Amino acid sequence: DVDTRRGQVQLSLKALQEDPLLSFADQAGRVTTGRVTKLI
């Protein structure tokens, strides 16, 4: 965001990081192991 009235610019470093979920986008059907983190 750029606020010209206040002279401020908002930056995001997180937006530049690759989304970790993207590496799983084509993984449907893959079998793996994982740790149970929460029961609902």
PDB file of all heavy atoms in Angstrom:
ATOM      1  N   ASP A   1       0.842  -1.190   0.000  1.00  0.00           N
ATOM      2  CA  ASP A   1       0.000   0.000   0.000  1.00  0.00           C
ATOM      3  C   ASP A   1       0.878   1.241   0.000  1.00  0.00           C
ATOM      4  O   ASP A   1       1.949   1.258   0.600  1.00  0.00           O
ATOM      5  CB  ASP A   1      -0.898  -0.005   1.252  1.00  0.00           C
ATOM      6  CG  ASP A   1      -1.901   1.137   1.261  1.00  0.00           C
ATOM      7  OD1 ASP A   1      -2.428   1.484   0.193  1.00  0.00           O
ATOM      8  OD2 ASP A   1      -2.161   1.681   2.353  1.00  0.00           O
ATOM      9  N   VAL A   2       0.411   2.275  -0.669  1.00  0.00           N
ATOM     10  CA  VAL A   2       1.099   3.562  -0.683  1.00  0.00           C
ATOM     11  C   VAL A   2       0.099   4.618  -0.230  1.00  0.00           C
ATOM     12  O   VAL A   2      -0.973   4.753  -0.815  1.00  0.00           O
ATOM     13  CB  VAL A   2       1.627   3.911  -2.096  1.00  0.00           C
ATOM     14  CG1 VAL A   2       2.272   5.290  -2.095  1.00  0.00           C
ATOM     15  CG2 VAL A   2       2.608   2.858  -2.574  1.00  0.00           C
ATOM     16  N   ASP A   3       0.429   5.336   0.835  1.00  0.00           N
ATOM     17  CA  ASP A   3      -0.409   6.420   1.346  1.00  0.00           C
ATOM     18  C   ASP A   3       0.343   7.721   1.092  1.00  0.00           C
ATOM     19  O   ASP A   3       1.227   8.101   1.865  1.00  0.00           O
ATOM     20  CB  ASP A   3      -0.683   6.221   2.836  1.00  0.00           C
ATOM     21  CG  ASP A   3      -1.664   7.240   3.400  1.00  0.00           C
ATOM     22  OD1 ASP A   3      -1.862   8.304   2.775  1.00  0.00           O
ATOM     23  OD2 ASP A   3      -2.226   6.967   4.475  1.00  0.00           O
ATOM     24  N   THR A   4      -0.009   8.380  -0.017  1.00  0.00           N
ATOM     25  CA  THR A   4       0.724   9.598  -0.398  1.00  0.00           C
ATOM     26  C   THR A   4       0.431  10.766   0.530  1.00  0.00           C
ATOM     27  O   THR A   4       1.274  11.642   0.710  1.00  0.00           O
ATOM     28  CB  THR A   4       0.398  10.005  -1.855  1.00  0.00           C
ATOM     29  OG1 THR A   4      -1.013  10.146  -1.994  1.00  0.00           O
ATOM     30  CG2 THR A   4       0.919   8.972  -2.830  1.00  0.00           C
ATOM     31  N   ARG A   5      -0.751  10.769   1.141  1.00  0.00           N
ATOM     32  CA  ARG A   5      -1.061  11.869   2.070  1.00  0.00           C
ATOM     33  C   ARG A   5      -0.171  11.830   3.309  1.00  0.00           C
ATOM     34  O   ARG A   5       0.241  12.847   3.812  1.00  0.00           O
ATOM     35  CB  ARG A   5      -2.538  11.825   2.490  1.00  0.00           C
ATOM     36  CG  ARG A   5      -3.459  12.308   1.373  1.00  0.00           C
ATOM     37  CD  ARG A   5      -4.854  12.420   1.851  1.00  0.00           C
ATOM     38  NE  ARG A   5      -5.335  11.076   2.223  1.00  0.00           N
ATOM     39  CZ  ARG A   5      -6.581  10.791   2.507  1.00  0.00           C
ATOM     40  NH1 ARG A   5      -7.491  11.715   2.494  1.00  0.00           N
ATOM     41  NH2 ARG A   5      -6.937   9.566   2.806  1.00  0.00           N
ATOM     42  N   ARG A   6       0.096  10.642   3.796  1.00  0.00           N
ATOM     43  CA  ARG A   6       0.937  10.507   4.991  1.00  0.00           C
ATOM     44  C   ARG A   6       2.392  10.250   4.630  1.00  0.00           C
ATOM     45  O   ARG A   6       3.245  10.207   5.516  1.00  0.00           O
ATOM     46  CB  ARG A   6       0.439   9.374   5.877  1.00  0.00           C
ATOM     47  CG  ARG A   6      -0.862   9.694   6.568  1.00  0.00           C
ATOM     48  CD  ARG A   6      -1.096   8.733   7.689  1.00  0.00           C
ATOM     49  NE  ARG A   6      -2.163   7.806   7.330  1.00  0.00           N
ATOM     50  CZ  ARG A   6      -2.465   6.722   8.002  1.00  0.00           C
ATOM     51  NH1 ARG A   6      -1.780   6.391   9.057  1.00  0.00           N
ATOM     52  NH2 ARG A   6      -3.438   5.952   7.626  1.00  0.00           N
ATOM     53  N   GLY A   7       2.655  10.009   3.366  1.00  0.00           N
ATOM     54  CA  GLY A   7       4.029   9.725   2.955  1.00  0.00           C
ATOM     55  C   GLY A   7       4.509   8.375   3.449  1.00  0.00           C
ATOM     56  O   GLY A   7       5.680   8.209   3.795  1.00  0.00           O
ATOM     57  N   GLN A   8       3.624   7.379   3.467  1.00  0.00           N
ATOM     58  CA  GLN A   8       3.972   6.050   3.972  1.00  0.00           C
ATOM     59  C   GLN A   8       3.818   5.005   2.876  1.00  0.00           C
ATOM     60  O   GLN A   8       2.928   5.079   2.037  1.00  0.00           O
ATOM     61  CB  GLN A   8       3.082   5.663   5.153  1.00  0.00           C
ATOM     62  CG  GLN A   8       3.293   6.520   6.374  1.00  0.00           C
ATOM     63  CD  GLN A   8       2.367   6.100   7.512  1.00  0.00           C
ATOM     64  OE1 GLN A   8       1.368   5.426   7.305  1.00  0.00           O
ATOM     65  NE2 GLN A   8       2.712   6.515   8.713  1.00  0.00           N
ATOM     66  N   VAL A   9       4.694   4.018   2.939  1.00  0.00           N
ATOM     67  CA  VAL A   9       4.639   2.875   2.031  1.00  0.00           C
ATOM     68  C   VAL A   9       4.680   1.618   2.895  1.00  0.00           C
ATOM     69  O   VAL A   9       5.553   1.480   3.751  1.00  0.00           O
ATOM     70  CB  VAL A   9       5.836   2.875   1.048  1.00  0.00           C
ATOM     71  CG1 VAL A   9       5.811   1.625   0.182  1.00  0.00           C
ATOM     72  CG2 VAL A   9       5.845   4.121   0.204  1.00  0.00           C
ATOM     73  N   GLN A  10       3.718   0.706   2.682  1.00  0.00           N
ATOM     74  CA  GLN A  10       3.720  -0.560   3.417  1.00  0.00           C
ATOM     75  C   GLN A  10       4.362  -1.624   2.542  1.00  0.00           C
ATOM     76  O   GLN A  10       4.010  -1.773   1.371  1.00  0.00           O
ATOM     77  CB  GLN A  10       2.298  -0.997   3.769  1.00  0.00           C
ATOM     78  CG  GLN A  10       1.657  -0.179   4.862  1.00  0.00           C
ATOM     79  CD  GLN A  10       0.268  -0.716   5.189  1.00  0.00           C
ATOM     80  OE1 GLN A  10      -0.473  -1.121   4.315  1.00  0.00           O
ATOM     81  NE2 GLN A  10      -0.056  -0.703   6.464  1.00  0.00           N
ATOM     82  N   LEU A  11       5.304  -2.351   3.143  1.00  0.00           N
ATOM     83  CA  LEU A  11       6.003  -3.423   2.447  1.00  0.00           C
ATOM     84  C   LEU A  11       5.708  -4.755   3.115  1.00  0.00           C
ATOM     85  O   LEU A  11       5.443  -4.808   4.309  1.00  0.00           O
ATOM     86  CB  LEU A  11       7.515  -3.174   2.470  1.00  0.00           C
ATOM     87  CG  LEU A  11       8.022  -1.901   1.817  1.00  0.00           C
ATOM     88  CD1 LEU A  11       9.520  -1.757   2.053  1.00  0.00           C
ATOM     89  CD2 LEU A  11       7.730  -1.916   0.336  1.00  0.00           C
ATOM     90  N   SER A  12       5.815  -5.826   2.352  1.00  0.00           N
ATOM     91  CA  SER A  12       5.656  -7.168   2.896  1.00  0.00           C
ATOM     92  C   SER A  12       6.826  -8.036   2.458  1.00  0.00           C
ATOM     93  O   SER A  12       7.085  -8.187   1.267  1.00  0.00           O
ATOM     94  CB  SER A  12       4.354  -7.797   2.403  1.00  0.00           C
ATOM     95  OG  SER A  12       4.312  -9.179   2.755  1.00  0.00           O
ATOM     96  N   LEU A  13       7.526  -8.596   3.429  1.00  0.00           N
ATOM     97  CA  LEU A  13       8.583  -9.565   3.118  1.00  0.00           C
ATOM     98  C   LEU A  13       7.986 -10.953   2.899  1.00  0.00           C
ATOM     99  O   LEU A  13       8.473 -11.730   2.092  1.00  0.00           O
ATOM    100  CB  LEU A  13       9.611  -9.611   4.245  1.00  0.00           C
ATOM    101  CG  LEU A  13      10.413  -8.331   4.451  1.00  0.00           C
ATOM    102  CD1 LEU A  13      11.334  -8.462   5.651  1.00  0.00           C
ATOM    103  CD2 LEU A  13      11.218  -8.009   3.210  1.00  0.00           C
ATOM    104  N   LYS A  14       6.899 -11.240   3.620  1.00  0.00           N
ATOM    105  CA  LYS A  14       6.270 -12.551   3.514  1.00  0.00           C
ATOM    106  C   LYS A  14       5.741 -12.804   2.098  1.00  0.00           C
ATOM    107  O   LYS A  14       5.792 -13.918   1.605  1.00  0.00           O
ATOM    108  CB  LYS A  14       5.132 -12.669   4.523  1.00  0.00           C
ATOM    109  CG  LYS A  14       4.530 -14.041   4.595  1.00  0.00           C
ATOM    110  CD  LYS A  14       3.508 -14.147   5.697  1.00  0.00           C
ATOM    111  CE  LYS A  14       2.992 -15.570   5.786  1.00  0.00           C
ATOM    112  NZ  LYS A  14       2.026 -15.743   6.837  1.00  0.00           N
ATOM    113  N   ALA A  15       5.252 -11.760   1.452  1.00  0.00           N
ATOM    114  CA  ALA A  15       4.710 -11.915   0.104  1.00  0.00           C
ATOM    115  C   ALA A  15       5.767 -12.400  -0.886  1.00  0.00           C
ATOM    116  O   ALA A  15       5.432 -12.967  -1.922  1.00  0.00           O
ATOM    117  CB  ALA A  15       4.105 -10.597  -0.372  1.00  0.00           C
ATOM    118  N   LEU A  16       7.028 -12.177  -0.585  1.00  0.00           N
ATOM    119  CA  LEU A  16       8.105 -12.607  -1.484  1.00  0.00           C
ATOM    120  C   LEU A  16       8.510 -14.059  -1.263  1.00  0.00           C
ATOM    121  O   LEU A  16       9.200 -14.641  -2.096  1.00  0.00           O
ATOM    122  CB  LEU A  16       9.330 -11.708  -1.303  1.00  0.00           C
ATOM    123  CG  LEU A  16       9.134 -10.243  -1.682  1.00  0.00           C
ATOM    124  CD1 LEU A  16      10.399  -9.457  -1.383  1.00  0.00           C
ATOM    125  CD2 LEU A  16       8.758 -10.116  -3.143  1.00  0.00           C
ATOM    126  N   GLN A  17       8.103 -14.643  -0.136  1.00  0.00           N
ATOM    127  CA  GLN A  17       8.464 -16.027   0.156  1.00  0.00           C
ATOM    128  C   GLN A  17       7.541 -16.971  -0.612  1.00  0.00           C
ATOM    129  O   GLN A  17       6.350 -16.716  -0.764  1.00  0.00           O
ATOM    130  CB  GLN A  17       8.345 -16.300   1.653  1.00  0.00           C
ATOM    131  CG  GLN A  17       9.291 -15.481   2.485  1.00  0.00           C
ATOM    132  CD  GLN A  17       9.032 -15.655   3.969  1.00  0.00           C
ATOM    133  OE1 GLN A  17       8.067 -16.265   4.389  1.00  0.00           O
ATOM    134  NE2 GLN A  17       9.930 -15.103   4.764  1.00  0.00           N
ATOM    135  N   GLU A  18       8.096 -18.062  -1.087  1.00  0.00           N
ATOM    136  CA  GLU A  18       7.285 -19.038  -1.806  1.00  0.00           C
ATOM    137  C   GLU A  18       6.343 -19.737  -0.835  1.00  0.00           C
ATOM    138  O   GLU A  18       6.721 -20.102   0.272  1.00  0.00           O
ATOM    139  CB  GLU A  18       8.177 -20.070  -2.492  1.00  0.00           C
ATOM    140  CG  GLU A  18       7.376 -21.030  -3.335  1.00  0.00           C
ATOM    141  CD  GLU A  18       8.247 -21.968  -4.132  1.00  0.00           C
ATOM    142  OE1 GLU A  18       9.342 -21.557  -4.535  1.00  0.00           O
ATOM    143  OE2 GLU A  18       7.816 -23.105  -4.338  1.00  0.00           O
ATOM    144  N   ASP A  19       5.118 -19.904  -1.251  1.00  0.00           N
ATOM    145  CA  ASP A  19       4.113 -20.594  -0.456  1.00  0.00           C
ATOM    146  C   ASP A  19       4.508 -22.063  -0.344  1.00  0.00           C
ATOM    147  O   ASP A  19       4.618 -22.749  -1.372  1.00  0.00           O
ATOM    148  CB  ASP A  19       2.757 -20.446  -1.134  1.00  0.00           C
ATOM    149  CG  ASP A  19       1.619 -21.090  -0.369  1.00  0.00           C
ATOM    150  OD1 ASP A  19       1.865 -21.796   0.634  1.00  0.00           O
ATOM    151  OD2 ASP A  19       0.466 -20.881  -0.779  1.00  0.00           O
ATOM    152  N   PRO A  20       4.717 -22.601   0.878  1.00  0.00           N
ATOM    153  CA  PRO A  20       5.132 -24.005   1.004  1.00  0.00           C
ATOM    154  C   PRO A  20       4.088 -24.983   0.479  1.00  0.00           C
ATOM    155  O   PRO A  20       4.422 -26.090   0.083  1.00  0.00           O
ATOM    156  CB  PRO A  20       5.378 -24.179   2.500  1.00  0.00           C
ATOM    157  CG  PRO A  20       4.665 -23.058   3.166  1.00  0.00           C
ATOM    158  CD  PRO A  20       4.595 -21.938   2.174  1.00  0.00           C
ATOM    159  N   LEU A  21       2.826 -24.575   0.444  1.00  0.00           N
ATOM    160  CA  LEU A  21       1.774 -25.456  -0.042  1.00  0.00           C
ATOM    161  C   LEU A  21       1.901 -25.711  -1.549  1.00  0.00           C
ATOM    162  O   LEU A  21       1.479 -26.754  -2.050  1.00  0.00           O
ATOM    163  CB  LEU A  21       0.398 -24.856   0.281  1.00  0.00           C
ATOM    164  CG  LEU A  21      -0.810 -25.775   0.199  1.00  0.00           C
ATOM    165  CD1 LEU A  21      -0.627 -27.011   1.078  1.00  0.00           C
ATOM    166  CD2 LEU A  21      -2.063 -25.040   0.576  1.00  0.00           C
ATOM    167  N   LEU A  22       2.531 -24.776  -2.286  1.00  0.00           N
ATOM    168  CA  LEU A  22       2.691 -24.940  -3.731  1.00  0.00           C
ATOM    169  C   LEU A  22       3.463 -26.208  -4.094  1.00  0.00           C
ATOM    170  O   LEU A  22       3.188 -26.833  -5.111  1.00  0.00           O
ATOM    171  CB  LEU A  22       3.399 -23.725  -4.340  1.00  0.00           C
ATOM    172  CG  LEU A  22       2.580 -22.447  -4.453  1.00  0.00           C
ATOM    173  CD1 LEU A  22       3.453 -21.312  -4.970  1.00  0.00           C
ATOM    174  CD2 LEU A  22       1.371 -22.652  -5.329  1.00  0.00           C
ATOM    175  N   SER A  23       4.422 -26.585  -3.239  1.00  0.00           N
ATOM    176  CA  SER A  23       5.205 -27.785  -3.548  1.00  0.00           C
ATOM    177  C   SER A  23       4.376 -29.067  -3.416  1.00  0.00           C
ATOM    178  O   SER A  23       4.807 -30.130  -3.841  1.00  0.00           O
ATOM    179  CB  SER A  23       6.445 -27.857  -2.657  1.00  0.00           C
ATOM    180  OG  SER A  23       6.082 -27.953  -1.304  1.00  0.00           O
ATOM    181  N   PHE A  24       3.172 -28.965  -2.839  1.00  0.00           N
ATOM    182  CA  PHE A  24       2.286 -30.127  -2.696  1.00  0.00           C
ATOM    183  C   PHE A  24       1.124 -30.085  -3.684  1.00  0.00           C
ATOM    184  O   PHE A  24       0.274 -30.965  -3.682  1.00  0.00           O
ATOM    185  CB  PHE A  24       1.745 -30.206  -1.264  1.00  0.00           C
ATOM    186  CG  PHE A  24       2.784 -30.619  -0.274  1.00  0.00           C
ATOM    187  CD1 PHE A  24       3.606 -29.676   0.319  1.00  0.00           C
ATOM    188  CD2 PHE A  24       2.966 -31.951   0.045  1.00  0.00           C
ATOM    189  CE1 PHE A  24       4.581 -30.055   1.212  1.00  0.00           C
ATOM    190  CE2 PHE A  24       3.949 -32.334   0.940  1.00  0.00           C
ATOM    191  CZ  PHE A  24       4.767 -31.386   1.525  1.00  0.00           C
ATOM    192  N   ALA A  25       1.078 -29.065  -4.547  1.00  0.00           N
ATOM    193  CA  ALA A  25      -0.058 -28.851  -5.447  1.00  0.00           C
ATOM    194  C   ALA A  25      -0.367 -30.067  -6.320  1.00  0.00           C
ATOM    195  O   ALA A  25      -1.526 -30.356  -6.594  1.00  0.00           O
ATOM    196  CB  ALA A  25       0.187 -27.617  -6.315  1.00  0.00           C
ATOM    197  N   ASP A  26       0.651 -30.794  -6.749  1.00  0.00           N
ATOM    198  CA  ASP A  26       0.431 -31.945  -7.632  1.00  0.00           C
ATOM    199  C   ASP A  26       0.671 -33.274  -6.912  1.00  0.00           C
ATOM    200  O   ASP A  26       0.956 -34.286  -7.547  1.00  0.00           O
ATOM    201  CB  ASP A  26       1.343 -31.837  -8.854  1.00  0.00           C
ATOM    202  CG  ASP A  26       2.824 -31.863  -8.488  1.00  0.00           C
ATOM    203  OD1 ASP A  26       3.153 -31.745  -7.289  1.00  0.00           O
ATOM    204  OD2 ASP A  26       3.650 -32.005  -9.399  1.00  0.00           O
ATOM    205  N   GLN A  27       0.518 -33.284  -5.593  1.00  0.00           N
ATOM    206  CA  GLN A  27       0.847 -34.475  -4.810  1.00  0.00           C
ATOM    207  C   GLN A  27      -0.356 -35.327  -4.410  1.00  0.00           C
ATOM    208  O   GLN A  27      -0.213 -36.244  -3.608  1.00  0.00           O
ATOM    209  CB  GLN A  27       1.608 -34.062  -3.541  1.00  0.00           C
ATOM    210  CG  GLN A  27       2.926 -33.378  -3.809  1.00  0.00           C
ATOM    211  CD  GLN A  27       3.939 -34.302  -4.436  1.00  0.00           C
ATOM    212  OE1 GLN A  27       4.131 -35.418  -3.987  1.00  0.00           O
ATOM    213  NE2 GLN A  27       4.581 -33.842  -5.501  1.00  0.00           N
ATOM    214  N   ALA A  28      -1.547 -35.039  -4.920  1.00  0.00           N
ATOM    215  CA  ALA A  28      -2.720 -35.854  -4.585  1.00  0.00           C
ATOM    216  C   ALA A  28      -2.427 -37.315  -4.911  1.00  0.00           C
ATOM    217  O   ALA A  28      -1.895 -37.632  -5.975  1.00  0.00           O
ATOM    218  CB  ALA A  28      -3.945 -35.360  -5.335  1.00  0.00           C
ATOM    219  N   GLY A  29      -2.732 -38.194  -3.974  1.00  0.00           N
ATOM    220  CA  GLY A  29      -2.463 -39.620  -4.128  1.00  0.00           C
ATOM    221  C   GLY A  29      -1.185 -40.074  -3.452  1.00  0.00           C
ATOM    222  O   GLY A  29      -1.003 -41.261  -3.195  1.00  0.00           O
ATOM    223  N   ARG A  30      -0.297 -39.146  -3.146  1.00  0.00           N
ATOM    224  CA  ARG A  30       0.983 -39.494  -2.504  1.00  0.00           C
ATOM    225  C   ARG A  30       0.750 -39.975  -1.072  1.00  0.00           C
ATOM    226  O   ARG A  30      -0.050 -39.413  -0.334  1.00  0.00           O
ATOM    227  CB  ARG A  30       1.886 -38.269  -2.493  1.00  0.00           C
ATOM    228  CG  ARG A  30       3.201 -38.499  -1.786  1.00  0.00           C
ATOM    229  CD  ARG A  30       4.076 -37.263  -1.837  1.00  0.00           C
ATOM    230  NE  ARG A  30       5.100 -37.364  -0.823  1.00  0.00           N
ATOM    231  CZ  ARG A  30       5.615 -36.348  -0.187  1.00  0.00           C
ATOM    232  NH1 ARG A  30       5.229 -35.121  -0.466  1.00  0.00           N
ATOM    233  NH2 ARG A  30       6.538 -36.513   0.720  1.00  0.00           N
ATOM    234  N   VAL A  31       1.449 -41.012  -0.680  1.00  0.00           N
ATOM    235  CA  VAL A  31       1.396 -41.543   0.680  1.00  0.00           C
ATOM    236  C   VAL A  31       2.647 -41.086   1.415  1.00  0.00           C
ATOM    237  O   VAL A  31       3.755 -41.177   0.887  1.00  0.00           O
ATOM    238  CB  VAL A  31       1.294 -43.087   0.673  1.00  0.00           C
ATOM    239  CG1 VAL A  31       1.377 -43.649   2.093  1.00  0.00           C
ATOM    240  CG2 VAL A  31       0.007 -43.528  -0.012  1.00  0.00           C
ATOM    241  N   THR A  32       2.456 -40.572   2.634  1.00  0.00           N
ATOM    242  CA  THR A  32       3.559 -40.061   3.439  1.00  0.00           C
ATOM    243  C   THR A  32       3.239 -40.271   4.916  1.00  0.00           C
ATOM    244  O   THR A  32       2.153 -40.756   5.253  1.00  0.00           O
ATOM    245  CB  THR A  32       3.814 -38.565   3.119  1.00  0.00           C
ATOM    246  OG1 THR A  32       4.986 -38.139   3.795  1.00  0.00           O
ATOM    247  CG2 THR A  32       2.635 -37.693   3.524  1.00  0.00           C
ATOM    248  N   THR A  33       4.168 -39.940   5.774  1.00  0.00           N
ATOM    249  CA  THR A  33       3.903 -40.005   7.208  1.00  0.00           C
ATOM    250  C   THR A  33       3.875 -38.593   7.767  1.00  0.00           C
ATOM    251  O   THR A  33       4.450 -37.666   7.193  1.00  0.00           O
ATOM    252  CB  THR A  33       4.974 -40.821   7.965  1.00  0.00           C
ATOM    253  OG1 THR A  33       6.248 -40.230   7.735  1.00  0.00           O
ATOM    254  CG2 THR A  33       4.980 -42.261   7.514  1.00  0.00           C
ATOM    255  N   GLY A  34       3.181 -38.450   8.883  1.00  0.00           N
ATOM    256  CA  GLY A  34       3.097 -37.156   9.532  1.00  0.00           C
ATOM    257  C   GLY A  34       2.790 -37.322  11.007  1.00  0.00           C
ATOM    258  O   GLY A  34       2.447 -38.406  11.472  1.00  0.00           O
ATOM    259  N   ARG A  35       2.920 -36.232  11.728  1.00  0.00           N
ATOM    260  CA  ARG A  35       2.681 -36.242  13.170  1.00  0.00           C
ATOM    261  C   ARG A  35       1.358 -35.555  13.481  1.00  0.00           C
ATOM    262  O   ARG A  35       1.078 -34.472  12.979  1.00  0.00           O
ATOM    263  CB  ARG A  35       3.821 -35.533  13.890  1.00  0.00           C
ATOM    264  CG  ARG A  35       3.739 -35.692  15.405  1.00  0.00           C
ATOM    265  CD  ARG A  35       5.069 -35.461  16.090  1.00  0.00           C
ATOM    266  NE  ARG A  35       6.207 -36.159  15.554  1.00  0.00           N
ATOM    267  CZ  ARG A  35       6.525 -37.438  15.814  1.00  0.00           C
ATOM    268  NH1 ARG A  35       5.775 -38.150  16.585  1.00  0.00           N
ATOM    269  NH2 ARG A  35       7.608 -37.967  15.295  1.00  0.00           N
ATOM    270  N   VAL A  36       0.537 -36.203  14.305  1.00  0.00           N
ATOM    271  CA  VAL A  36      -0.738 -35.633  14.731  1.00  0.00           C
ATOM    272  C   VAL A  36      -0.431 -34.434  15.631  1.00  0.00           C
ATOM    273  O   VAL A  36       0.273 -34.557  16.632  1.00  0.00           O
ATOM    274  CB  VAL A  36      -1.598 -36.667  15.486  1.00  0.00           C
ATOM    275  CG1 VAL A  36      -2.883 -36.035  16.004  1.00  0.00           C
ATOM    276  CG2 VAL A  36      -1.899 -37.868  14.593  1.00  0.00           C
ATOM    277  N   THR A  37      -0.955 -33.257  15.237  1.00  0.00           N
ATOM    278  CA  THR A  37      -0.676 -32.037  15.996  1.00  0.00           C
ATOM    279  C   THR A  37      -1.845 -31.572  16.837  1.00  0.00           C
ATOM    280  O   THR A  37      -1.651 -30.903  17.849  1.00  0.00           O
ATOM    281  CB  THR A  37      -0.270 -30.887  15.061  1.00  0.00           C
ATOM    282  OG1 THR A  37      -1.335 -30.644  14.143  1.00  0.00           O
ATOM    283  CG2 THR A  37       1.011 -31.212  14.319  1.00  0.00           C
ATOM    284  N   LYS A  38      -3.062 -31.933  16.422  1.00  0.00           N
ATOM    285  CA  LYS A  38      -4.230 -31.453  17.154  1.00  0.00           C
ATOM    286  C   LYS A  38      -5.428 -32.343  16.861  1.00  0.00           C
ATOM    287  O   LYS A  38      -5.660 -32.724  15.725  1.00  0.00           O
ATOM    288  CB  LYS A  38      -4.546 -30.011  16.737  1.00  0.00           C
ATOM    289  CG  LYS A  38      -5.687 -29.380  17.480  1.00  0.00           C
ATOM    290  CD  LYS A  38      -5.869 -27.927  17.055  1.00  0.00           C
ATOM    291  CE  LYS A  38      -6.970 -27.277  17.868  1.00  0.00           C
ATOM    292  NZ  LYS A  38      -7.184 -25.875  17.485  1.00  0.00           N
ATOM    293  N   LEU A  39      -6.179 -32.671  17.916  1.00  0.00           N
ATOM    294  CA  LEU A  39      -7.418 -33.415  17.768  1.00  0.00           C
ATOM    295  C   LEU A  39      -8.583 -32.443  17.898  1.00  0.00           C
ATOM    296  O   LEU A  39      -8.574 -31.579  18.775  1.00  0.00           O
ATOM    297  CB  LEU A  39      -7.537 -34.499  18.836  1.00  0.00           C
ATOM    298  CG  LEU A  39      -6.466 -35.584  18.825  1.00  0.00           C
ATOM    299  CD1 LEU A  39      -6.683 -36.548  19.978  1.00  0.00           C
ATOM    300  CD2 LEU A  39      -6.450 -36.333  17.511  1.00  0.00           C
ATOM    301  N   ILE A  40      -9.558 -32.570  17.022  1.00  0.00           N
ATOM    302  CA  ILE A  40     -10.765 -31.757  17.083  1.00  0.00           C
ATOM    303  C   ILE A  40     -11.948 -32.716  16.981  1.00  0.00           C
ATOM    304  O   ILE A  40     -11.764 -33.880  16.616  1.00  0.00           O
ATOM    305  CB  ILE A  40     -10.786 -30.698  15.961  1.00  0.00           C
ATOM    306  CG1 ILE A  40     -10.579 -31.337  14.597  1.00  0.00           C
ATOM    307  CG2 ILE A  40      -9.737 -29.618  16.203  1.00  0.00           C
ATOM    308  CD1 ILE A  40     -10.661 -30.380  13.434  1.00  0.00           C
TER     309      ILE A  40
END
